[in-house]
Amino acid sequence: MDRLSGLDASFLYLETPAQLMHVCAVMVLDPATMTAPYSFDGLQREIDLRVRDVPAFTRKVRGVPLGLDHPVWVQDKAFDIERHVHRLALPTPGGYPELMDLCAHLASLPLDRSRPLWEMWVIEGYDDGRVVVFAKMHHATVDGVSGANLVSHLCSVEPDAAPMVSEHPAPPRDPGRGELLGRAVIGTAARPVTLVKVLKPSAQLVTKSIGRARKGTAMAAPFSAPRTSFNGTITSHRSIAMADLDLDEIRRIKKVTGTTVNDVVLAVAGGALRAYLDERDELPESSLLATVPVSVRDSSRRSMGANKVSALFTKLGTDVADPLERLHMLAERNQHAKEHHNAISADALQDWAEFAAPRTFGLAVRAYANLRLAERHPVVHNLVISNVPGPPIPLYFMGARIDALCPLGPVFHGAGLNITVMSNAGQMHVGAIACRESMPDTDALVRHFPRELARLSEAVAAGSPADAR
């Protein structure tokens, strides 16, 4: 029996009609590289062949009687590719604005939980005859790393080569109602013992965190973020924008300044957010606070579950005008945050998520949204920023070269903006998704990313006084 981990199931419980918990990806394809002429029917058939042996694409959620335990995955015996891969034509003139509007609309639609939790929309008629695939998959099924692995099963390194991944676990079996109920009762009875095991390391962590705070080496604290226009109760409407950055330039800056690629990306993001808010006379005096997801797949002791992530908090330096000074400050803060984060058990978030009760958790999330509590307490964090390592060489999706690959994460009540960057064949693709009511023009933010990278590059070349740090 393939039971969802507490963390995987939490993404189901967190979902409301406005707070949609799927992750998306925009893939811009060049069909000219395909060995056979492009056709939607041929693409759909090929996708069907490649996903049939991958349980993540063919399993669906089944609830436990009385909601006593987290749901389980079962094989969808009526799996039909036509319910998952759809065809659309882009409205004229078929440019970038029309594509972003259509993708934002598709991101605003929930996934059908009676089926495997994924969809692909093949969008034809984009600029220069290119085809776009807009993919959606529920966060209960994937995190950043596992999502990239699933995409790799559909991709190859040559137009006519086999997929890069070929081995997958056996599909989950469908347990009987009695077995589900029996396991749930046993699991519920064992929770007090499990809670005691989790409490001790958590108490030790609190003590260590207090010590770090006194020394000034703790990561930034939640609930310390300034309020902005995108920090409130969200709706289901989304806005999306994309941009490209030169990965070689990011690496050059990293090498010259002795920082990391992630430091440079966060510094550029901080500058872009500063410019965006300043244009609207909304720039707060204190720095914006971001949640940065961190993969713990290599250090986790848990074998079950698709999501193996933790998170750290970092201030983005939006209160610092000089881009190089911001980079050095972020590098120092990030080092403290990493050391603090490493002191936390890799499985801490997964352990605590096991206690998320299916019914009460969902009711609490809906009450939180209906009462608009995100606007009544201090801001937990302003946004989520993810950095997902991508392929260093060009990839081909069903034979079509991938010109751009932009992942998009979920947005939350209280933090209605998510920025994800992903490297791909020498480019760093930036994808931003936001609640449309609080950020109707996401492109107004994203277009600052290339500008801020250029400003940082010029500051590094000029050897700004901040470089002495």
Protein backbone atom coordinates (compact mmCIF):
# COMPACT_ATOMS: atom_id res chain seq x y z
CA MET A 1 0.00 0.00 0.00
CA ASP A 2 1.42 3.37 -1.07
CA ARG A 3 0.37 5.85 1.62
CA LEU A 4 1.00 9.56 1.13
CA SER A 5 3.51 11.02 3.55
CA GLY A 6 2.24 13.70 5.90
CA LEU A 7 4.04 16.37 3.87
CA ASP A 8 2.61 15.15 0.56
CA ALA A 9 -0.88 14.98 2.06
CA SER A 10 -0.53 18.46 3.57
CA PHE A 11 -0.54 19.94 0.07
CA LEU A 12 -3.95 18.34 -0.46
CA TYR A 13 -5.23 19.75 2.84
CA LEU A 14 -3.82 23.22 2.11
CA GLU A 15 -5.76 23.46 -1.14
CA THR A 16 -8.83 25.68 -1.37
CA PRO A 17 -10.67 27.10 -4.41
CA ALA A 18 -8.31 30.10 -4.22
CA GLN A 19 -5.14 28.47 -2.89
CA LEU A 20 -4.38 25.93 -5.62
CA MET A 21 -1.56 23.54 -4.78
CA HIS A 22 -0.37 22.44 -8.18
CA VAL A 23 2.99 23.32 -9.71
CA CYS A 24 3.23 24.29 -13.35
CA ALA A 25 5.82 24.43 -16.10
CA VAL A 26 5.89 26.34 -19.38
CA MET A 27 7.88 24.52 -22.08
CA VAL A 28 8.51 26.37 -25.33
CA LEU A 29 9.28 23.82 -28.05
CA ASP A 30 10.79 24.05 -31.52
CA PRO A 31 9.00 21.38 -33.60
CA ALA A 32 11.46 21.90 -36.47
CA THR A 33 13.86 19.48 -34.73
CA MET A 34 11.35 16.62 -34.75
CA THR A 35 12.22 13.70 -37.02
CA ALA A 36 8.58 13.46 -38.18
CA PRO A 37 6.27 16.42 -38.93
CA TYR A 38 4.55 17.74 -35.83
CA SER A 39 0.95 16.70 -35.15
CA PHE A 40 -0.99 16.90 -31.93
CA ASP A 41 -2.29 13.34 -32.30
CA GLY A 42 1.25 12.02 -32.72
CA LEU A 43 2.49 14.00 -29.71
CA GLN A 44 -0.39 12.77 -27.57
CA ARG A 45 0.23 9.14 -28.56
CA GLU A 46 3.94 9.42 -27.75
CA ILE A 47 3.22 10.94 -24.34
CA ASP A 48 0.75 8.12 -23.67
CA LEU A 49 3.41 5.51 -24.44
CA ARG A 50 5.97 7.14 -22.14
CA VAL A 51 3.76 7.71 -19.09
CA ARG A 52 2.08 4.30 -18.98
CA ASP A 53 4.91 2.71 -16.96
CA VAL A 54 5.37 5.67 -14.58
CA PRO A 55 3.16 5.36 -11.47
CA ALA A 56 3.28 9.10 -10.76
CA PHE A 57 1.36 9.67 -14.01
CA THR A 58 -1.17 6.85 -13.63
CA ARG A 59 -2.06 6.81 -9.91
CA LYS A 60 -4.82 8.72 -8.16
CA VAL A 61 -5.72 9.62 -4.59
CA ARG A 62 -8.02 7.46 -2.48
CA GLY A 63 -9.20 8.69 0.91
CA VAL A 64 -9.12 6.65 4.11
CA PRO A 65 -12.50 5.91 5.77
CA LEU A 66 -13.57 8.59 8.28
CA GLY A 67 -10.43 10.60 7.42
CA LEU A 68 -8.49 8.75 10.13
CA ASP A 69 -5.22 8.78 8.22
CA HIS A 70 -3.54 10.32 5.19
CA PRO A 71 -4.83 9.15 1.79
CA VAL A 72 -3.20 6.43 -0.30
CA TRP A 73 -2.20 6.21 -3.95
CA VAL A 74 -4.04 3.65 -6.08
CA GLN A 75 -3.72 2.76 -9.74
CA ASP A 76 -6.25 4.47 -12.04
CA LYS A 77 -7.65 1.48 -13.90
CA ALA A 78 -9.57 3.79 -16.24
CA PHE A 79 -6.55 5.94 -17.16
CA ASP A 80 -7.21 7.80 -20.41
CA ILE A 81 -4.58 10.06 -21.96
CA GLU A 82 -7.30 12.19 -23.56
CA ARG A 83 -8.35 13.36 -20.10
CA HIS A 84 -4.83 14.64 -19.42
CA VAL A 85 -3.30 15.93 -22.65
CA HIS A 86 -5.38 18.66 -24.31
CA ARG A 87 -5.03 20.92 -27.35
CA LEU A 88 -5.46 24.68 -27.61
CA ALA A 89 -4.75 27.36 -30.19
CA LEU A 90 -3.25 30.65 -29.09
CA PRO A 91 -5.40 33.72 -29.90
CA THR A 92 -4.01 36.08 -32.52
CA PRO A 93 -1.53 37.64 -32.82
CA GLY A 94 -0.04 34.67 -30.93
CA GLY A 95 2.69 36.55 -29.10
CA TYR A 96 4.11 36.61 -25.59
CA PRO A 97 1.22 38.61 -23.98
CA GLU A 98 -1.39 36.20 -25.34
CA LEU A 99 0.65 33.20 -24.19
CA MET A 100 1.03 34.56 -20.65
CA ASP A 101 -2.70 35.35 -20.41
CA LEU A 102 -3.62 31.83 -21.53
CA CYS A 103 -1.13 30.17 -19.18
CA ALA A 104 -2.41 32.29 -16.29
CA HIS A 105 -5.95 31.13 -17.03
CA LEU A 106 -4.88 27.48 -17.12
CA ALA A 107 -2.98 27.90 -13.84
CA SER A 108 -6.19 29.21 -12.26
CA LEU A 109 -8.07 25.94 -12.86
CA PRO A 110 -7.98 23.16 -10.21
CA LEU A 111 -7.02 19.60 -11.01
CA ASP A 112 -9.67 16.87 -10.94
CA ARG A 113 -8.95 14.70 -7.87
CA SER A 114 -10.89 11.76 -9.28
CA ARG A 115 -8.05 11.24 -11.78
CA PRO A 116 -4.24 11.25 -11.70
CA LEU A 117 -3.24 14.73 -10.60
CA TRP A 118 -1.64 16.12 -13.75
CA GLU A 119 -2.52 17.77 -17.06
CA MET A 120 -0.73 19.01 -20.16
CA TRP A 121 -2.10 21.66 -22.49
CA VAL A 122 -0.47 21.71 -25.92
CA ILE A 123 -0.72 25.29 -27.19
CA GLU A 124 -0.26 25.82 -30.93
CA GLY A 125 0.23 29.02 -32.89
CA TYR A 126 2.96 30.64 -30.81
CA ASP A 127 5.60 32.98 -32.23
CA ASP A 128 7.57 31.60 -35.24
CA GLY A 129 5.50 28.43 -35.36
CA ARG A 130 6.69 27.15 -32.01
CA VAL A 131 4.55 24.94 -29.77
CA VAL A 132 4.12 25.47 -26.03
CA VAL A 133 3.32 22.75 -23.50
CA PHE A 134 1.77 24.03 -20.28
CA ALA A 135 2.08 21.25 -17.69
CA LYS A 136 0.40 21.04 -14.29
CA MET A 137 1.05 18.54 -11.51
CA HIS A 138 -0.18 18.58 -7.93
CA HIS A 139 2.41 19.33 -5.26
CA ALA A 140 1.27 16.19 -3.44
CA THR A 141 2.93 14.29 -6.29
CA VAL A 142 6.17 16.20 -6.86
CA ASP A 143 8.68 18.61 -5.41
CA GLY A 144 11.33 20.41 -7.44
CA VAL A 145 13.73 17.48 -7.76
CA SER A 146 11.15 14.73 -8.30
CA GLY A 147 9.34 16.98 -10.78
CA ALA A 148 12.52 17.43 -12.78
CA ASN A 149 13.00 13.64 -12.75
CA LEU A 150 9.50 13.11 -14.11
CA VAL A 151 10.04 15.63 -16.89
CA SER A 152 13.29 13.86 -17.77
CA HIS A 153 11.30 10.67 -18.44
CA LEU A 154 9.58 12.54 -21.27
CA CYS A 155 12.79 14.09 -22.61
CA SER A 156 15.93 12.96 -24.39
CA VAL A 157 19.33 14.42 -25.27
CA GLU A 158 18.77 13.90 -29.02
CA PRO A 159 15.61 14.36 -31.11
CA ASP A 160 15.25 10.63 -31.81
CA ALA A 161 16.89 9.21 -28.65
CA ALA A 162 15.17 7.21 -25.91
CA PRO A 163 14.05 8.96 -22.67
CA MET A 164 16.76 9.59 -20.09
CA VAL A 165 14.94 7.70 -17.31
CA SER A 166 13.60 4.18 -17.83
CA GLU A 167 13.21 2.52 -14.40
CA HIS A 168 10.31 3.21 -12.06
CA PRO A 169 8.69 1.45 -9.09
CA ALA A 170 5.77 -0.87 -9.56
CA PRO A 171 2.31 0.74 -9.62
CA PRO A 172 0.52 0.93 -6.25
CA ARG A 173 -2.06 -1.71 -5.40
CA ASP A 174 -5.63 -0.92 -4.38
CA PRO A 175 -6.18 -1.93 -0.71
CA GLY A 176 -9.57 -2.91 0.65
CA ARG A 177 -11.64 -0.71 2.93
CA GLY A 178 -10.94 -2.94 5.92
CA GLU A 179 -7.18 -2.79 5.43
CA LEU A 180 -7.28 1.00 5.13
CA LEU A 181 -9.34 1.36 8.28
CA GLY A 182 -7.19 -1.11 10.26
CA ARG A 183 -3.94 0.61 9.33
CA ALA A 184 -5.45 3.99 10.16
CA VAL A 185 -6.51 2.85 13.64
CA ILE A 186 -3.07 1.41 14.37
CA GLY A 187 -1.39 4.56 13.11
CA THR A 188 -3.64 6.79 15.22
CA ALA A 189 -2.90 4.74 18.35
CA ALA A 190 0.86 5.08 17.77
CA ARG A 191 0.84 8.87 17.35
CA PRO A 192 1.48 9.76 21.02
CA VAL A 193 4.67 7.70 20.93
CA THR A 194 5.74 9.34 17.67
CA LEU A 195 5.00 12.79 19.09
CA VAL A 196 7.36 12.21 22.01
CA LYS A 197 10.14 11.26 19.57
CA VAL A 198 9.61 14.47 17.58
CA LEU A 199 9.34 16.82 20.56
CA LYS A 200 12.81 16.21 21.98
CA PRO A 201 14.87 17.27 18.93
CA SER A 202 12.47 20.16 18.34
CA ALA A 203 13.04 21.45 21.88
CA GLN A 204 16.80 21.19 21.36
CA LEU A 205 16.46 23.14 18.13
CA VAL A 206 14.65 25.98 19.90
CA THR A 207 17.47 26.22 22.45
CA LYS A 208 20.11 26.30 19.71
CA SER A 209 18.16 28.90 17.73
CA ILE A 210 17.99 31.21 20.74
CA GLY A 211 21.76 30.93 21.09
CA ARG A 212 22.29 31.73 17.41
CA ALA A 213 19.96 34.72 17.66
CA ARG A 214 22.02 36.13 20.54
CA LYS A 215 25.21 35.73 18.48
CA GLY A 216 23.59 37.26 15.39
CA THR A 217 24.11 34.11 13.30
CA ALA A 218 20.50 32.90 13.10
CA MET A 219 18.55 32.87 9.87
CA ALA A 220 15.94 35.58 9.41
CA ALA A 221 12.84 35.01 11.54
CA PRO A 222 9.33 34.55 10.13
CA PHE A 223 6.68 37.15 11.01
CA SER A 224 9.31 39.88 10.54
CA ALA A 225 8.41 40.81 6.96
CA PRO A 226 7.02 44.22 5.93
CA ARG A 227 3.58 44.26 4.34
CA THR A 228 3.30 44.82 0.59
CA SER A 229 0.44 44.84 -1.91
CA PHE A 230 0.94 41.12 -2.62
CA ASN A 231 0.69 40.06 1.03
CA GLY A 232 -2.93 39.38 1.80
CA THR A 233 -5.80 37.02 1.03
CA ILE A 234 -5.54 35.65 -2.51
CA THR A 235 -8.09 34.63 -5.15
CA SER A 236 -7.86 31.83 -7.71
CA HIS A 237 -6.93 34.26 -10.51
CA ARG A 238 -3.29 34.23 -11.57
CA SER A 239 -0.87 36.36 -13.57
CA ILE A 240 2.31 34.90 -15.08
CA ALA A 241 5.49 36.29 -16.62
CA MET A 242 8.82 34.88 -17.80
CA ALA A 243 12.30 36.22 -18.52
CA ASP A 244 15.73 34.85 -19.45
CA LEU A 245 19.08 35.52 -17.79
CA ASP A 246 22.59 34.68 -19.02
CA LEU A 247 23.79 31.80 -16.85
CA ASP A 248 27.44 32.34 -17.85
CA GLU A 249 27.24 35.93 -16.58
CA ILE A 250 25.76 34.74 -13.29
CA ARG A 251 28.59 32.24 -12.93
CA ARG A 252 31.17 34.91 -13.77
CA ILE A 253 29.82 37.20 -11.05
CA LYS A 254 29.80 34.28 -8.62
CA LYS A 255 33.44 33.50 -9.36
CA VAL A 256 34.66 37.10 -9.13
CA THR A 257 32.82 37.84 -5.88
CA GLY A 258 33.39 34.49 -4.18
CA THR A 259 29.66 33.92 -3.73
CA THR A 260 27.30 31.23 -5.04
CA VAL A 261 24.89 31.06 -7.97
CA ASN A 262 22.02 31.11 -5.47
CA ASP A 263 23.44 34.25 -3.82
CA VAL A 264 23.58 36.01 -7.20
CA VAL A 265 20.05 34.91 -8.13
CA LEU A 266 18.64 36.13 -4.80
CA ALA A 267 20.52 39.44 -5.10
CA VAL A 268 19.08 39.99 -8.59
CA ALA A 269 15.61 39.07 -7.31
CA GLY A 270 16.01 41.53 -4.43
CA GLY A 271 16.98 44.29 -6.85
CA ALA A 272 14.07 43.51 -9.17
CA LEU A 273 11.59 43.58 -6.28
CA ARG A 274 13.09 46.84 -5.02
CA ALA A 275 12.71 48.45 -8.46
CA TYR A 276 9.16 47.12 -8.89
CA LEU A 277 7.98 48.41 -5.51
CA ASP A 278 9.82 51.72 -5.91
CA GLU A 279 8.02 52.36 -9.23
CA ARG A 280 4.74 52.07 -7.33
CA ASP A 281 5.81 54.10 -4.31
CA GLU A 282 5.41 50.94 -2.19
CA LEU A 283 9.03 50.25 -1.23
CA PRO A 284 9.14 49.47 2.52
CA GLU A 285 11.99 50.68 4.69
CA SER A 286 12.88 47.17 5.87
CA SER A 287 13.90 44.28 3.62
CA LEU A 288 11.47 41.81 2.10
CA LEU A 289 11.64 38.30 3.53
CA ALA A 290 11.61 35.26 1.25
CA THR A 291 11.05 31.58 1.94
CA VAL A 292 13.58 29.52 -0.01
CA PRO A 293 12.71 25.82 -0.39
CA VAL A 294 15.66 23.47 0.16
CA SER A 295 15.85 19.87 -1.04
CA VAL A 296 16.79 17.36 1.69
CA ARG A 297 16.57 14.36 -0.63
CA ASP A 298 20.24 13.46 -0.15
CA SER A 299 20.17 13.70 3.66
CA SER A 300 16.65 12.46 4.45
CA ARG A 301 16.26 9.11 6.17
CA ARG A 302 12.68 8.74 4.96
CA SER A 303 12.09 6.53 1.93
CA MET A 304 8.41 7.32 1.42
CA GLY A 305 6.96 10.51 0.01
CA ALA A 306 7.44 12.59 -3.13
CA ASN A 307 8.23 15.82 -1.26
CA LYS A 308 11.55 15.83 0.54
CA VAL A 309 12.00 19.52 1.21
CA SER A 310 12.68 21.93 3.99
CA ALA A 311 12.89 25.73 3.86
CA LEU A 312 14.95 28.61 5.10
CA PHE A 313 14.12 32.29 5.44
CA THR A 314 16.32 35.01 3.99
CA LYS A 315 16.10 38.80 3.71
CA LEU A 316 16.53 39.92 0.11
CA GLY A 317 18.22 43.26 0.71
CA THR A 318 15.46 45.32 -0.90
CA ASP A 319 16.46 48.08 1.53
CA VAL A 320 19.94 48.29 -0.08
CA ALA A 321 20.36 50.36 -3.24
CA ASP A 322 23.86 49.22 -4.27
CA PRO A 323 23.62 45.83 -6.10
CA LEU A 324 27.09 44.66 -5.11
CA GLU A 325 26.61 45.57 -1.47
CA ARG A 326 23.32 43.68 -1.58
CA LEU A 327 25.09 40.61 -2.98
CA HIS A 328 27.76 40.58 -0.27
CA MET A 329 25.18 41.10 2.45
CA LEU A 330 23.01 38.29 1.07
CA ALA A 331 26.00 35.95 0.84
CA GLU A 332 26.76 36.53 4.51
CA ARG A 333 23.13 36.12 5.57
CA ASN A 334 22.72 33.01 3.44
CA GLN A 335 25.77 31.42 5.01
CA HIS A 336 24.29 31.96 8.48
CA ALA A 337 20.92 30.66 7.26
CA LYS A 338 22.52 27.51 5.79
CA GLU A 339 24.44 26.80 9.00
CA HIS A 340 21.26 27.34 11.02
CA HIS A 341 19.27 25.18 8.61
CA ASN A 342 21.86 22.38 8.72
CA ALA A 343 21.38 22.22 12.49
CA ILE A 344 17.77 21.24 11.86
CA SER A 345 16.96 17.60 11.16
CA ALA A 346 16.46 16.99 7.45
CA ASP A 347 13.22 15.18 8.30
CA ALA A 348 11.84 17.73 10.79
CA LEU A 349 9.21 19.15 8.43
CA GLN A 350 8.19 15.68 7.27
CA ASP A 351 7.97 14.41 10.88
CA TRP A 352 5.70 17.24 12.03
CA ALA A 353 3.57 17.01 8.89
CA GLU A 354 2.57 13.49 9.90
CA PHE A 355 0.34 15.06 12.58
CA ALA A 356 -1.71 17.06 10.07
CA ALA A 357 -5.24 15.75 10.63
CA PRO A 358 -7.06 15.49 7.27
CA ARG A 359 -10.36 17.02 8.35
CA THR A 360 -9.30 19.62 10.91
CA PHE A 361 -6.36 20.81 8.81
CA GLY A 362 -8.57 21.46 5.80
CA LEU A 363 -11.22 23.21 7.88
CA ALA A 364 -8.59 25.41 9.50
CA VAL A 365 -7.20 26.48 6.12
CA ARG A 366 -10.66 27.40 4.85
CA ALA A 367 -11.48 29.33 8.02
CA TYR A 368 -8.17 31.18 7.72
CA ALA A 369 -9.06 32.23 4.16
CA ASN A 370 -12.71 33.11 4.85
CA LEU A 371 -11.81 35.27 7.86
CA ARG A 372 -9.00 36.95 5.87
CA LEU A 373 -6.62 36.34 8.75
CA ALA A 374 -3.60 36.86 6.47
CA GLU A 375 -4.38 40.59 6.69
CA ARG A 376 -4.76 40.65 10.48
CA HIS A 377 -1.45 39.28 11.77
CA PRO A 378 2.18 40.21 11.01
CA VAL A 379 3.38 39.05 7.61
CA VAL A 380 5.00 35.61 7.86
CA HIS A 381 6.99 36.01 4.62
CA ASN A 382 6.57 38.11 1.50
CA LEU A 383 7.11 35.51 -1.22
CA VAL A 384 8.63 32.16 -2.15
CA ILE A 385 11.77 31.97 -4.31
CA SER A 386 13.02 28.63 -5.67
CA ASN A 387 16.20 27.84 -7.57
CA VAL A 388 15.89 24.54 -9.46
CA PRO A 389 19.01 23.08 -11.14
CA GLY A 390 18.26 22.17 -14.73
CA PRO A 391 20.04 20.37 -17.57
CA PRO A 392 23.36 21.85 -18.77
CA ILE A 393 22.71 20.66 -22.34
CA PRO A 394 19.73 21.08 -24.71
CA LEU A 395 16.87 18.65 -24.11
CA TYR A 396 14.23 17.40 -26.52
CA PHE A 397 10.59 16.82 -25.58
CA MET A 398 9.16 14.13 -27.85
CA GLY A 399 11.80 15.15 -30.39
CA ALA A 400 11.19 18.92 -30.17
CA ARG A 401 14.02 21.02 -28.74
CA ILE A 402 13.12 22.82 -25.51
CA ASP A 403 13.89 26.51 -26.05
CA ALA A 404 12.62 27.56 -22.63
CA LEU A 405 11.56 25.72 -19.48
CA CYS A 406 9.98 27.80 -16.72
CA PRO A 407 8.59 26.11 -13.61
CA LEU A 408 5.96 27.92 -11.55
CA GLY A 409 5.13 27.17 -7.91
CA PRO A 410 1.96 27.78 -5.89
CA VAL A 411 1.06 31.03 -4.14
CA PHE A 412 -0.39 31.21 -0.65
CA HIS A 413 -2.67 33.37 1.45
CA GLY A 414 -0.37 36.02 2.84
CA ALA A 415 2.29 35.49 0.16
CA GLY A 416 0.71 35.96 -3.24
CA LEU A 417 3.92 35.81 -5.30
CA ASN A 418 6.15 32.88 -6.24
CA ILE A 419 9.37 33.21 -8.27
CA THR A 420 11.16 30.16 -9.64
CA VAL A 421 14.39 30.15 -11.62
CA MET A 422 15.68 27.14 -13.53
CA SER A 423 18.85 26.69 -15.56
CA ASN A 424 18.57 25.18 -19.01
CA ALA A 425 21.35 24.85 -21.61
CA GLY A 426 23.22 28.02 -20.67
CA GLN A 427 20.19 30.12 -19.79
CA MET A 428 18.54 30.87 -16.47
CA HIS A 429 14.79 31.00 -17.02
CA VAL A 430 12.78 33.10 -14.56
CA GLY A 431 9.12 32.34 -13.97
CA ALA A 432 6.86 34.44 -11.75
CA ILE A 433 3.28 33.66 -10.79
CA ALA A 434 1.09 35.85 -8.60
CA CYS A 435 -2.45 36.47 -7.49
CA ARG A 436 -3.81 38.66 -10.28
CA GLU A 437 -5.73 40.97 -7.96
CA SER A 438 -2.60 41.89 -5.99
CA MET A 439 -0.15 41.84 -8.92
CA PRO A 440 -2.07 42.19 -12.19
CA ASP A 441 1.05 42.86 -14.29
CA THR A 442 3.67 40.30 -13.26
CA ASP A 443 5.75 41.27 -16.27
CA ALA A 444 6.31 44.67 -14.63
CA LEU A 445 8.36 42.79 -12.03
CA VAL A 446 10.05 40.19 -14.22
CA ARG A 447 11.39 42.67 -16.78
CA HIS A 448 13.60 44.10 -14.01
CA PHE A 449 15.54 40.81 -13.67
CA PRO A 450 17.78 41.29 -16.77
CA ARG A 451 18.24 44.96 -15.82
CA GLU A 452 19.32 44.09 -12.30
CA LEU A 453 21.74 41.45 -13.55
CA ALA A 454 23.27 44.10 -15.84
CA ARG A 455 23.51 46.57 -12.93
CA LEU A 456 25.22 43.96 -10.78
CA SER A 457 27.62 43.08 -13.58
CA GLU A 458 28.54 46.75 -14.04
CA ALA A 459 29.06 47.17 -10.28
CA VAL A 460 31.37 44.15 -10.21
CA ALA A 461 33.35 45.47 -13.19
CA ALA A 462 33.64 48.94 -11.60
CA GLY A 463 34.81 47.52 -8.27
CA SER A 464 32.26 49.39 -6.17
CA PRO A 465 33.32 50.33 -2.60
CA ALA A 466 31.01 47.62 -1.35
CA ASP A 467 33.41 45.06 -2.86
CA ALA A 468 35.83 45.75 -0.01
CA ARG A 469 33.50 43.75 2.22
